All heavy atoms as atom14 arrays in JSON, in Angstrom:
{
  "sequence": "CASSIAQHAGVACFEPESIAIYEQRKAEFKRRR",
  "atom14_mask": [
    [1, 1, 1, 1, 1, 1, 0, 0, 0, 0, 0, 0, 0, 0],
    [1, 1, 1, 1, 1, 0, 0, 0, 0, 0, 0, 0, 0, 0],
    [1, 1, 1, 1, 1, 1, 0, 0, 0, 0, 0, 0, 0, 0],
    [1, 1, 1, 1, 1, 1, 0, 0, 0, 0, 0, 0, 0, 0],
    [1, 1, 1, 1, 1, 1, 1, 1, 0, 0, 0, 0, 0, 0],
    [1, 1, 1, 1, 1, 0, 0, 0, 0, 0, 0, 0, 0, 0],
    [1, 1, 1, 1, 1, 1, 1, 1, 1, 0, 0, 0, 0, 0],
    [1, 1, 1, 1, 1, 1, 1, 1, 1, 1, 0, 0, 0, 0],
    [1, 1, 1, 1, 1, 0, 0, 0, 0, 0, 0, 0, 0, 0],
    [1, 1, 1, 1, 0, 0, 0, 0, 0, 0, 0, 0, 0, 0],
    [1, 1, 1, 1, 1, 1, 1, 0, 0, 0, 0, 0, 0, 0],
    [1, 1, 1, 1, 1, 0, 0, 0, 0, 0, 0, 0, 0, 0],
    [1, 1, 1, 1, 1, 1, 0, 0, 0, 0, 0, 0, 0, 0],
    [1, 1, 1, 1, 1, 1, 1, 1, 1, 1, 1, 0, 0, 0],
    [1, 1, 1, 1, 1, 1, 1, 1, 1, 0, 0, 0, 0, 0],
    [1, 1, 1, 1, 1, 1, 1, 0, 0, 0, 0, 0, 0, 0],
    [1, 1, 1, 1, 1, 1, 1, 1, 1, 0, 0, 0, 0, 0],
    [1, 1, 1, 1, 1, 1, 0, 0, 0, 0, 0, 0, 0, 0],
    [1, 1, 1, 1, 1, 1, 1, 1, 0, 0, 0, 0, 0, 0],
    [1, 1, 1, 1, 1, 0, 0, 0, 0, 0, 0, 0, 0, 0],
    [1, 1, 1, 1, 1, 1, 1, 1, 0, 0, 0, 0, 0, 0],
    [1, 1, 1, 1, 1, 1, 1, 1, 1, 1, 1, 1, 0, 0],
    [1, 1, 1, 1, 1, 1, 1, 1, 1, 0, 0, 0, 0, 0],
    [1, 1, 1, 1, 1, 1, 1, 1, 1, 0, 0, 0, 0, 0],
    [1, 1, 1, 1, 1, 1, 1, 1, 1, 1, 1, 0, 0, 0],
    [1, 1, 1, 1, 1, 1, 1, 1, 1, 0, 0, 0, 0, 0],
    [1, 1, 1, 1, 1, 0, 0, 0, 0, 0, 0, 0, 0, 0],
    [1, 1, 1, 1, 1, 1, 1, 1, 1, 0, 0, 0, 0, 0],
    [1, 1, 1, 1, 1, 1, 1, 1, 1, 1, 1, 0, 0, 0],
    [1, 1, 1, 1, 1, 1, 1, 1, 1, 0, 0, 0, 0, 0],
    [1, 1, 1, 1, 1, 1, 1, 1, 1, 1, 1, 0, 0, 0],
    [1, 1, 1, 1, 1, 1, 1, 1, 1, 1, 1, 0, 0, 0],
    [1, 1, 1, 1, 1, 1, 1, 1, 1, 1, 1, 0, 0, 0]
  ],
  "atom14_positions": [
    [[-29.4, 14.31, 3.15], [-28.73, 13.71, 2.0], [-27.42, 14.42, 1.75], [-27.18, 15.51, 2.28], [-29.62, 13.78, 0.74], [-29.92, 15.46, 0.14], [0.0, 0.0, 0.0], [0.0, 0.0, 0.0], [0.0, 0.0, 0.0], [0.0, 0.0, 0.0], [0.0, 0.0, 0.0], [0.0, 0.0, 0.0], [0.0, 0.0, 0.0], [0.0, 0.0, 0.0]],
    [[-26.58, 13.8, 0.94], [-25.38, 14.5, 0.47], [-25.79, 15.53, -0.57], [-26.89, 15.47, -1.14], [-24.4, 13.49, -0.13], [0.0, 0.0, 0.0], [0.0, 0.0, 0.0], [0.0, 0.0, 0.0], [0.0, 0.0, 0.0], [0.0, 0.0, 0.0], [0.0, 0.0, 0.0], [0.0, 0.0, 0.0], [0.0, 0.0, 0.0], [0.0, 0.0, 0.0]],
    [[-24.9, 16.47, -0.85], [-25.18, 17.51, -1.84], [-25.63, 16.91, -3.17], [-24.95, 16.05, -3.74], [-23.9, 18.33, -2.08], [-23.95, 19.01, -3.31], [0.0, 0.0, 0.0], [0.0, 0.0, 0.0], [0.0, 0.0, 0.0], [0.0, 0.0, 0.0], [0.0, 0.0, 0.0], [0.0, 0.0, 0.0], [0.0, 0.0, 0.0], [0.0, 0.0, 0.0]],
    [[-26.77, 17.36, -3.67], [-27.3, 16.8, -4.92], [-26.39, 17.15, -6.1], [-26.15, 16.32, -6.98], [-28.73, 17.3, -5.17], [-28.78, 18.71, -5.2], [0.0, 0.0, 0.0], [0.0, 0.0, 0.0], [0.0, 0.0, 0.0], [0.0, 0.0, 0.0], [0.0, 0.0, 0.0], [0.0, 0.0, 0.0], [0.0, 0.0, 0.0], [0.0, 0.0, 0.0]],
    [[-25.85, 18.37, -6.11], [-24.96, 18.78, -7.2], [-23.71, 17.89, -7.21], [-23.29, 17.38, -8.25], [-24.54, 20.26, -7.07], [-25.78, 21.16, -7.14], [-23.54, 20.64, -8.14], [-25.49, 22.6, -6.77], [0.0, 0.0, 0.0], [0.0, 0.0, 0.0], [0.0, 0.0, 0.0], [0.0, 0.0, 0.0], [0.0, 0.0, 0.0], [0.0, 0.0, 0.0]],
    [[-23.12, 17.69, -6.01], [-21.92, 16.85, -5.92], [-22.21, 15.42, -6.37], [-21.38, 14.78, -7.03], [-21.39, 16.87, -4.5], [0.0, 0.0, 0.0], [0.0, 0.0, 0.0], [0.0, 0.0, 0.0], [0.0, 0.0, 0.0], [0.0, 0.0, 0.0], [0.0, 0.0, 0.0], [0.0, 0.0, 0.0], [0.0, 0.0, 0.0], [0.0, 0.0, 0.0]],
    [[-23.39, 14.92, -6.04], [-23.73, 13.54, -6.44], [-23.82, 13.4, -7.96], [-23.27, 12.47, -8.54], [-25.06, 13.12, -5.82], [-25.0, 12.9, -4.32], [-26.29, 12.28, -3.81], [-26.65, 11.17, -4.18], [-26.99, 13.02, -2.96], [0.0, 0.0, 0.0], [0.0, 0.0, 0.0], [0.0, 0.0, 0.0], [0.0, 0.0, 0.0], [0.0, 0.0, 0.0]],
    [[-24.52, 14.33, -8.6], [-24.63, 14.26, -10.07], [-23.26, 14.42, -10.72], [-22.96, 13.76, -11.73], [-25.61, 15.33, -10.57], [-27.05, 15.04, -10.23], [-27.73, 13.98, -10.77], [-27.92, 15.66, -9.39], [-28.97, 13.95, -10.3], [-29.11, 14.97, -9.46], [0.0, 0.0, 0.0], [0.0, 0.0, 0.0], [0.0, 0.0, 0.0], [0.0, 0.0, 0.0]],
    [[-22.43, 15.26, -10.13], [-21.07, 15.43, -10.66], [-20.26, 14.16, -10.43], [-19.47, 13.75, -11.29], [-20.39, 16.62, -9.99], [0.0, 0.0, 0.0], [0.0, 0.0, 0.0], [0.0, 0.0, 0.0], [0.0, 0.0, 0.0], [0.0, 0.0, 0.0], [0.0, 0.0, 0.0], [0.0, 0.0, 0.0], [0.0, 0.0, 0.0], [0.0, 0.0, 0.0]],
    [[-20.47, 13.52, -9.28], [-19.69, 12.35, -8.92], [-19.84, 11.2, -9.9], [-18.9, 10.41, -10.08], [0.0, 0.0, 0.0], [0.0, 0.0, 0.0], [0.0, 0.0, 0.0], [0.0, 0.0, 0.0], [0.0, 0.0, 0.0], [0.0, 0.0, 0.0], [0.0, 0.0, 0.0], [0.0, 0.0, 0.0], [0.0, 0.0, 0.0], [0.0, 0.0, 0.0]],
    [[-21.0, 11.09, -10.53], [-21.21, 10.02, -11.51], [-20.15, 10.1, -12.61], [-19.63, 9.09, -13.1], [-22.63, 10.09, -12.1], [-22.82, 9.03, -13.19], [-23.67, 9.9, -11.0], [0.0, 0.0, 0.0], [0.0, 0.0, 0.0], [0.0, 0.0, 0.0], [0.0, 0.0, 0.0], [0.0, 0.0, 0.0], [0.0, 0.0, 0.0], [0.0, 0.0, 0.0]],
    [[-19.79, 11.33, -12.98], [-18.83, 11.54, -14.07], [-17.41, 11.14, -13.68], [-16.54, 10.99, -14.55], [-18.85, 13.01, -14.52], [0.0, 0.0, 0.0], [0.0, 0.0, 0.0], [0.0, 0.0, 0.0], [0.0, 0.0, 0.0], [0.0, 0.0, 0.0], [0.0, 0.0, 0.0], [0.0, 0.0, 0.0], [0.0, 0.0, 0.0], [0.0, 0.0, 0.0]],
    [[-17.15, 10.96, -12.38], [-15.81, 10.52, -11.95], [-15.43, 9.18, -12.55], [-14.24, 8.9, -12.73], [-15.77, 10.4, -10.43], [-15.68, 11.97, -9.55], [0.0, 0.0, 0.0], [0.0, 0.0, 0.0], [0.0, 0.0, 0.0], [0.0, 0.0, 0.0], [0.0, 0.0, 0.0], [0.0, 0.0, 0.0], [0.0, 0.0, 0.0], [0.0, 0.0, 0.0]],
    [[-16.42, 8.35, -12.85], [-16.17, 6.98, -13.25], [-16.14, 6.81, -14.77], [-15.99, 5.69, -15.26], [-17.2, 6.06, -12.61], [-17.2, 6.16, -11.1], [-18.14, 6.92, -10.43], [-16.22, 5.52, -10.36], [-18.13, 7.03, -9.05], [-16.2, 5.62, -8.97], [-17.16, 6.38, -8.31], [0.0, 0.0, 0.0], [0.0, 0.0, 0.0], [0.0, 0.0, 0.0]],
    [[-16.3, 7.91, -15.51], [-16.2, 7.83, -16.96], [-14.74, 7.6, -17.36], [-13.82, 8.07, -16.68], [-16.72, 9.12, -17.59], [-18.21, 9.37, -17.36], [-18.67, 10.71, -17.87], [-17.82, 11.49, -18.39], [-19.88, 11.02, -17.74], [0.0, 0.0, 0.0], [0.0, 0.0, 0.0], [0.0, 0.0, 0.0], [0.0, 0.0, 0.0], [0.0, 0.0, 0.0]],
    [[-14.5, 6.86, -18.42], [-13.11, 6.55, -18.83], [-12.23, 7.79, -18.97], [-11.04, 7.77, -18.58], [-13.29, 5.83, -20.17], [-14.65, 5.21, -20.08], [-15.48, 6.17, -19.29], [0.0, 0.0, 0.0], [0.0, 0.0, 0.0], [0.0, 0.0, 0.0], [0.0, 0.0, 0.0], [0.0, 0.0, 0.0], [0.0, 0.0, 0.0], [0.0, 0.0, 0.0]],
    [[-12.79, 8.87, -19.5], [-12.01, 10.1, -19.65], [-11.54, 10.63, -18.3], [-10.38, 11.08, -18.15], [-12.87, 11.16, -20.36], [-12.13, 12.48, -20.6], [-13.03, 13.56, -21.17], [-14.25, 13.29, -21.4], [-12.54, 14.69, -21.38], [0.0, 0.0, 0.0], [0.0, 0.0, 0.0], [0.0, 0.0, 0.0], [0.0, 0.0, 0.0], [0.0, 0.0, 0.0]],
    [[-12.41, 10.57, -17.29], [-12.04, 11.03, -15.95], [-11.0, 10.1, -15.32], [-10.01, 10.57, -14.75], [-13.28, 11.11, -15.06], [-14.22, 12.02, -15.57], [0.0, 0.0, 0.0], [0.0, 0.0, 0.0], [0.0, 0.0, 0.0], [0.0, 0.0, 0.0], [0.0, 0.0, 0.0], [0.0, 0.0, 0.0], [0.0, 0.0, 0.0], [0.0, 0.0, 0.0]],
    [[-11.23, 8.79, -15.41], [-10.3, 7.83, -14.81], [-8.9, 8.01, -15.4], [-7.9, 7.92, -14.68], [-10.81, 6.39, -15.01], [-12.1, 6.16, -14.22], [-9.73, 5.38, -14.61], [-11.96, 6.25, -12.72], [0.0, 0.0, 0.0], [0.0, 0.0, 0.0], [0.0, 0.0, 0.0], [0.0, 0.0, 0.0], [0.0, 0.0, 0.0], [0.0, 0.0, 0.0]],
    [[-8.81, 8.28, -16.69], [-7.49, 8.5, -17.32], [-6.78, 9.69, -16.68], [-5.56, 9.64, -16.44], [-7.66, 8.72, -18.82], [0.0, 0.0, 0.0], [0.0, 0.0, 0.0], [0.0, 0.0, 0.0], [0.0, 0.0, 0.0], [0.0, 0.0, 0.0], [0.0, 0.0, 0.0], [0.0, 0.0, 0.0], [0.0, 0.0, 0.0], [0.0, 0.0, 0.0]],
    [[-7.53, 10.74, -16.38], [-6.95, 11.91, -15.72], [-6.46, 11.55, -14.32], [-5.34, 11.9, -13.92], [-7.98, 13.05, -15.65], [-8.31, 13.56, -17.06], [-7.49, 14.19, -14.76], [-9.5, 14.5, -17.13], [0.0, 0.0, 0.0], [0.0, 0.0, 0.0], [0.0, 0.0, 0.0], [0.0, 0.0, 0.0], [0.0, 0.0, 0.0], [0.0, 0.0, 0.0]],
    [[-7.3, 10.82, -13.57], [-6.93, 10.47, -12.2], [-5.72, 9.55, -12.17], [-4.88, 9.66, -11.26], [-8.12, 9.83, -11.48], [-9.3, 10.77, -11.33], [-10.57, 10.39, -11.72], [-9.13, 12.04, -10.8], [-11.65, 11.25, -11.59], [-10.2, 12.92, -10.67], [-11.45, 12.52, -11.07], [-12.52, 13.37, -10.95], [0.0, 0.0, 0.0], [0.0, 0.0, 0.0]],
    [[-5.61, 8.66, -13.14], [-4.46, 7.75, -13.16], [-3.17, 8.51, -13.48], [-2.11, 8.2, -12.94], [-4.7, 6.62, -14.16], [-5.7, 5.58, -13.67], [-5.23, 4.88, -12.41], [-4.17, 4.23, -12.44], [-5.93, 4.99, -11.37], [0.0, 0.0, 0.0], [0.0, 0.0, 0.0], [0.0, 0.0, 0.0], [0.0, 0.0, 0.0], [0.0, 0.0, 0.0]],
    [[-3.27, 9.54, -14.33], [-2.09, 10.38, -14.59], [-1.66, 11.11, -13.31], [-0.47, 11.22, -13.01], [-2.42, 11.4, -15.69], [-2.54, 10.79, -17.09], [-3.03, 11.81, -18.1], [-3.34, 12.96, -17.77], [-3.11, 11.4, -19.36], [0.0, 0.0, 0.0], [0.0, 0.0, 0.0], [0.0, 0.0, 0.0], [0.0, 0.0, 0.0], [0.0, 0.0, 0.0]],
    [[-2.64, 11.61, -12.57], [-2.34, 12.32, -11.34], [-1.76, 11.37, -10.28], [-0.86, 11.74, -9.53], [-3.61, 13.01, -10.81], [-4.09, 14.12, -11.73], [-5.42, 14.68, -11.28], [-5.84, 15.82, -12.11], [-6.96, 16.51, -11.92], [-7.77, 16.18, -10.93], [-7.26, 17.52, -12.72], [0.0, 0.0, 0.0], [0.0, 0.0, 0.0], [0.0, 0.0, 0.0]],
    [[-2.28, 10.16, -10.25], [-1.73, 9.15, -9.34], [-0.26, 8.89, -9.65], [0.58, 8.81, -8.74], [-2.54, 7.86, -9.46], [-1.99, 6.69, -8.65], [-2.86, 5.45, -8.87], [-2.27, 4.23, -8.21], [-3.13, 3.03, -8.4], [0.0, 0.0, 0.0], [0.0, 0.0, 0.0], [0.0, 0.0, 0.0], [0.0, 0.0, 0.0], [0.0, 0.0, 0.0]],
    [[0.08, 8.79, -10.93], [1.47, 8.59, -11.33], [2.34, 9.77, -10.88], [3.5, 9.59, -10.49], [1.57, 8.4, -12.84], [0.0, 0.0, 0.0], [0.0, 0.0, 0.0], [0.0, 0.0, 0.0], [0.0, 0.0, 0.0], [0.0, 0.0, 0.0], [0.0, 0.0, 0.0], [0.0, 0.0, 0.0], [0.0, 0.0, 0.0], [0.0, 0.0, 0.0]],
    [[1.77, 10.97, -10.92], [2.51, 12.15, -10.47], [2.74, 12.1, -8.96], [3.84, 12.43, -8.48], [1.76, 13.42, -10.86], [2.36, 14.72, -10.31], [3.79, 15.0, -10.75], [4.28, 14.37, -11.71], [4.44, 15.86, -10.11], [0.0, 0.0, 0.0], [0.0, 0.0, 0.0], [0.0, 0.0, 0.0], [0.0, 0.0, 0.0], [0.0, 0.0, 0.0]],
    [[1.74, 11.66, -8.19], [1.94, 11.5, -6.75], [3.07, 10.52, -6.47], [3.91, 10.75, -5.6], [0.65, 11.01, -6.08], [-0.37, 12.09, -5.82], [-1.7, 11.9, -6.17], [-0.01, 13.27, -5.2], [-2.64, 12.89, -5.91], [-0.95, 14.27, -4.94], [-2.27, 14.07, -5.3], [0.0, 0.0, 0.0], [0.0, 0.0, 0.0], [0.0, 0.0, 0.0]],
    [[3.09, 9.41, -7.2], [4.16, 8.41, -6.99], [5.53, 9.02, -7.33], [6.51, 8.77, -6.63], [3.9, 7.17, -7.85], [4.94, 6.08, -7.67], [4.63, 4.85, -8.52], [5.63, 3.72, -8.25], [7.0, 4.08, -8.63], [0.0, 0.0, 0.0], [0.0, 0.0, 0.0], [0.0, 0.0, 0.0], [0.0, 0.0, 0.0], [0.0, 0.0, 0.0]],
    [[5.59, 9.81, -8.4], [6.85, 10.46, -8.78], [7.33, 11.37, -7.65], [8.54, 11.41, -7.34], [6.64, 11.26, -10.07], [7.92, 11.85, -10.65], [7.67, 12.46, -12.02], [7.07, 13.78, -11.92], [7.76, 14.93, -11.98], [9.08, 14.91, -12.12], [7.15, 16.09, -11.92], [0.0, 0.0, 0.0], [0.0, 0.0, 0.0], [0.0, 0.0, 0.0]],
    [[6.41, 12.08, -7.03], [6.78, 12.96, -5.92], [7.26, 12.15, -4.72], [8.24, 12.53, -4.06], [5.57, 13.82, -5.52], [5.12, 14.79, -6.6], [3.8, 15.44, -6.18], [3.27, 16.31, -7.22], [2.11, 16.94, -7.11], [1.38, 16.79, -6.01], [1.67, 17.71, -8.08], [0.0, 0.0, 0.0], [0.0, 0.0, 0.0], [0.0, 0.0, 0.0]],
    [[6.56, 11.06, -4.42], [7.0, 10.2, -3.32], [8.42, 9.72, -3.55], [9.27, 9.74, -2.63], [6.06, 9.0, -3.18], [6.44, 8.07, -2.03], [5.9, 6.66, -2.22], [6.48, 5.96, -3.38], [6.29, 4.67, -3.61], [5.55, 3.94, -2.81], [6.85, 4.11, -4.68], [0.0, 0.0, 0.0], [0.0, 0.0, 0.0], [0.0, 0.0, 0.0]]
  ]
}
């Protein structure tokens, strides 16, 4: 199986608070490009 700790943590990636962080970082990647 994949790492159990990583899997339980991965669920939190899809919470709105997390997605907002990732979208800000995506905007920063675009700025760098």
